[in-house]
Amino acid sequence: MADTVSSARATMAGMLRAPDVVVYEDGGADHFIFEKMRQLSALNRSTAILLITDEYSETIALGALIAGAHGYQPATAPPGQLVDSVRSVASGGLVLPALAHRDLVSWLAPHFDSRNQKALATLTDRERCVLALLKMGLSNHDIGRELHIAEATVKKHLTHLLRKLGVRSRLEAALYATGSREREKPFEAAQHPAKPRLTLVPECG
């Protein structure tokens, strides 16, 4: 079930009815909408949030992420893609246009320091596997199938890794990992030119 309304009405619907997805539609996606999204994310973490705006904007993509959105798409995307986006966030997936991945990684990379690397180092091997698959946009169900574990176990691992990384959402965790890898690339190339680049997860399955 998904509710598609605007600003305060969308937030109220999410709080009272707890739908699978709340779709925010807004021409400019101002700070008022981001505040409403934060309220919904804080009070009802089981409801996925998807933001749709008239055109793509790096600022809006970042604002949606910080506000706790599970996905963001410009209204210029093909209708079928918008429908798939709703289905994806409903099943626990992450949805961002390709431009947003590039822009957000560029924004996040300078913010990763030794503390961020230490946080990633605290993850167990299984949590690293879950994070790697999460970064690929897989839903909880698909992650469980890939790792041969129950969906409830996936959720447990997600809860633990979100806490360890100090992030609030699946999307933030995925971008955290992506930004960390982008930060490491130049260092690895200079220090180990003959060695293959290490992956986030050594072995999963």
Protein backbone atom coordinates (compact mmCIF):
# COMPACT_ATOMS: atom_id res chain seq x y z
CA MET A 1 0.00 0.00 0.00
CA ALA A 2 1.33 3.44 -0.90
CA ASP A 3 0.07 6.93 -0.14
CA THR A 4 0.86 9.65 -2.68
CA VAL A 5 -0.02 13.09 -1.37
CA SER A 6 1.89 16.21 -0.43
CA SER A 7 3.80 17.50 2.60
CA ALA A 8 1.75 17.50 5.82
CA ARG A 9 -0.94 15.15 4.48
CA ALA A 10 1.67 12.58 3.49
CA THR A 11 3.29 12.77 6.91
CA MET A 12 -0.03 12.43 8.73
CA ALA A 13 -1.00 9.46 6.57
CA GLY A 14 2.31 7.79 7.35
CA MET A 15 1.92 8.32 11.07
CA LEU A 16 -1.70 7.19 11.34
CA ARG A 17 -1.99 4.47 8.72
CA ALA A 18 1.59 3.13 8.52
CA PRO A 19 1.51 2.39 4.77
CA ASP A 20 4.34 0.46 3.12
CA VAL A 21 5.38 3.57 1.19
CA VAL A 22 4.71 7.30 1.41
CA VAL A 23 5.43 9.17 -1.82
CA TYR A 24 6.11 12.87 -1.46
CA GLU A 25 5.48 14.90 -4.61
CA ASP A 26 6.71 18.46 -4.72
CA GLY A 27 7.86 20.90 -7.36
CA GLY A 28 10.70 22.36 -5.34
CA ALA A 29 11.17 20.07 -2.34
CA ASP A 30 11.77 22.86 0.16
CA HIS A 31 12.93 22.56 3.76
CA PHE A 32 9.32 22.17 4.94
CA ILE A 33 9.02 18.83 3.13
CA PHE A 34 12.37 17.64 4.44
CA GLU A 35 11.24 18.41 7.98
CA LYS A 36 8.03 16.43 7.45
CA MET A 37 10.06 13.54 6.09
CA ARG A 38 12.31 13.61 9.17
CA GLN A 39 9.26 13.48 11.42
CA LEU A 40 7.81 10.50 9.59
CA SER A 41 11.15 8.68 9.52
CA ALA A 42 11.60 9.17 13.26
CA LEU A 43 8.08 8.08 14.23
CA ASN A 44 7.48 5.27 11.76
CA ARG A 45 10.64 3.54 10.55
CA SER A 46 8.64 0.74 8.89
CA THR A 47 7.28 3.11 6.23
CA ALA A 48 9.55 3.70 3.23
CA ILE A 49 9.79 7.25 1.89
CA LEU A 50 10.09 8.12 -1.79
CA LEU A 51 10.48 11.72 -2.98
CA ILE A 52 9.48 12.77 -6.50
CA THR A 53 10.21 16.29 -7.74
CA ASP A 54 9.82 18.09 -11.07
CA GLU A 55 13.50 17.91 -12.00
CA TYR A 56 16.68 16.32 -10.67
CA SER A 57 18.72 18.38 -8.22
CA GLU A 58 21.87 17.39 -6.31
CA THR A 59 20.75 19.58 -3.40
CA ILE A 60 17.36 17.88 -3.26
CA ALA A 61 18.92 14.41 -3.47
CA LEU A 62 21.18 15.21 -0.53
CA GLY A 63 18.33 16.78 1.44
CA ALA A 64 16.15 13.73 0.89
CA LEU A 65 18.94 11.43 2.08
CA ILE A 66 19.55 13.44 5.23
CA ALA A 67 15.81 13.57 5.92
CA GLY A 68 15.59 9.76 5.88
CA ALA A 69 14.24 9.04 2.40
CA HIS A 70 14.64 5.56 0.94
CA GLY A 71 14.54 6.84 -2.62
CA TYR A 72 14.40 9.87 -4.86
CA GLN A 73 13.36 10.22 -8.49
CA PRO A 74 12.66 13.19 -10.75
CA ALA A 75 9.19 13.24 -12.29
CA THR A 76 10.87 13.24 -15.70
CA ALA A 77 11.71 9.55 -15.24
CA PRO A 78 9.65 7.13 -17.39
CA PRO A 79 6.31 6.17 -15.75
CA GLY A 80 7.34 2.53 -15.52
CA GLN A 81 10.51 3.52 -13.69
CA LEU A 82 8.52 5.50 -11.13
CA VAL A 83 6.26 2.50 -10.50
CA ASP A 84 9.32 0.27 -10.11
CA SER A 85 10.76 2.79 -7.65
CA VAL A 86 7.70 2.49 -5.41
CA ARG A 87 7.90 -1.30 -5.53
CA SER A 88 11.61 -1.26 -4.81
CA VAL A 89 11.46 0.93 -1.70
CA ALA A 90 8.43 -1.04 -0.49
CA SER A 91 10.53 -4.22 -0.53
CA GLY A 92 13.43 -2.54 1.26
CA GLY A 93 15.44 -1.47 -1.77
CA LEU A 94 17.27 1.78 -2.45
CA VAL A 95 16.30 4.06 -5.33
CA LEU A 96 18.41 6.88 -6.73
CA PRO A 97 18.98 8.08 -10.29
CA ALA A 98 22.49 7.52 -11.64
CA LEU A 99 23.28 11.24 -11.38
CA ALA A 100 22.48 11.18 -7.67
CA HIS A 101 24.89 8.32 -6.99
CA ARG A 102 27.70 10.26 -8.66
CA ASP A 103 26.90 13.57 -6.97
CA LEU A 104 26.38 12.14 -3.50
CA VAL A 105 29.57 10.09 -3.59
CA SER A 106 31.48 13.22 -4.66
CA TRP A 107 29.95 15.12 -1.75
CA LEU A 108 30.50 12.37 0.82
CA ALA A 109 34.03 11.27 -0.06
CA PRO A 110 35.85 14.26 1.54
CA HIS A 111 34.03 13.61 4.82
CA PHE A 112 35.48 10.14 5.35
CA ASP A 113 38.39 10.14 7.78
CA SER A 114 40.06 7.55 10.02
CA ARG A 115 37.01 7.44 12.28
CA ASN A 116 34.83 6.34 9.38
CA GLN A 117 37.29 3.62 8.45
CA LYS A 118 37.38 2.46 12.06
CA ALA A 119 33.58 2.24 12.06
CA LEU A 120 33.62 -0.01 8.98
CA ALA A 121 36.31 -2.14 10.62
CA THR A 122 33.94 -2.91 13.52
CA LEU A 123 31.51 -4.74 11.23
CA THR A 124 31.45 -8.52 11.31
CA ASP A 125 32.04 -10.46 8.10
CA ARG A 126 28.31 -11.14 7.81
CA GLU A 127 27.47 -7.47 8.35
CA ARG A 128 29.97 -6.58 5.62
CA CYS A 129 28.25 -9.02 3.30
CA VAL A 130 24.87 -7.46 4.06
CA LEU A 131 26.28 -3.97 3.51
CA ALA A 132 27.84 -4.94 0.18
CA LEU A 133 24.53 -6.33 -1.09
CA LEU A 134 22.69 -3.33 0.35
CA LYS A 135 24.98 -1.06 -1.66
CA MET A 136 23.87 -2.93 -4.79
CA GLY A 137 20.27 -1.95 -4.04
CA LEU A 138 19.00 -5.38 -3.01
CA SER A 139 15.93 -5.70 -0.79
CA ASN A 140 15.99 -7.56 2.54
CA HIS A 141 14.37 -10.55 0.86
CA ASP A 142 16.97 -10.65 -1.91
CA ILE A 143 19.85 -10.20 0.55
CA GLY A 144 18.53 -13.12 2.57
CA ARG A 145 18.30 -15.26 -0.54
CA GLU A 146 21.86 -14.41 -1.59
CA LEU A 147 23.27 -15.18 1.86
CA HIS A 148 20.93 -18.12 2.57
CA ILE A 149 19.60 -16.55 5.75
CA ALA A 150 16.12 -15.55 6.92
CA GLU A 151 14.81 -12.07 6.18
CA ALA A 152 14.44 -11.49 9.92
CA THR A 153 18.15 -12.23 10.31
CA VAL A 154 18.94 -9.69 7.58
CA LYS A 155 16.96 -7.06 9.49
CA LYS A 156 18.91 -7.90 12.65
CA HIS A 157 22.23 -7.47 10.86
CA LEU A 158 21.00 -4.19 9.37
CA THR A 159 20.05 -2.86 12.78
CA HIS A 160 23.51 -3.68 14.11
CA LEU A 161 25.44 -2.19 11.20
CA LEU A 162 23.37 1.01 11.16
CA ARG A 163 24.18 1.50 14.82
CA LYS A 164 27.89 0.79 14.32
CA LEU A 165 28.17 3.17 11.38
CA GLY A 166 26.17 5.87 13.15
CA VAL A 167 23.67 6.27 10.30
CA ARG A 168 19.88 6.29 10.32
CA SER A 169 18.86 4.60 7.09
CA ARG A 170 19.76 1.91 4.57
CA LEU A 171 20.44 4.60 2.01
CA GLU A 172 22.91 6.40 4.26
CA ALA A 173 24.68 3.10 5.00
CA ALA A 174 24.99 2.26 1.30
CA LEU A 175 26.35 5.70 0.47
CA TYR A 176 28.65 5.52 3.51
CA ALA A 177 30.22 2.37 2.09
CA THR A 178 30.33 3.76 -1.45
CA GLY A 179 31.94 7.00 -0.33
CA SER A 180 34.48 5.10 1.73
CA ARG A 181 35.54 3.01 -1.26
CA GLU A 182 35.87 6.10 -3.46
CA ARG A 183 38.06 7.71 -0.81
CA GLU A 184 40.37 4.66 -0.68
CA LYS A 185 40.94 4.25 -4.43
CA PRO A 186 43.71 6.85 -4.92
CA PHE A 187 45.56 5.64 -1.81
CA GLU A 188 45.39 1.98 -2.84
CA ALA A 189 46.59 2.74 -6.37
CA ALA A 190 49.62 4.59 -5.04
CA GLN A 191 50.54 2.15 -2.27
CA HIS A 192 49.79 -1.16 -3.99
CA PRO A 193 49.93 -0.65 -7.77
CA ALA A 194 50.53 -4.34 -8.51
CA LYS A 195 47.81 -5.69 -6.24
CA PRO A 196 44.11 -5.98 -7.06
CA ARG A 197 41.88 -3.54 -5.18
CA LEU A 198 40.31 -5.05 -2.09
CA THR A 199 36.56 -5.38 -2.08
CA LEU A 200 34.34 -4.42 0.83
CA VAL A 201 33.54 -8.08 1.50
CA PRO A 202 36.16 -10.84 1.01
CA GLU A 203 33.67 -13.67 0.62
CA CYS A 204 29.90 -13.97 0.99
CA GLY A 205 27.49 -16.78 0.58
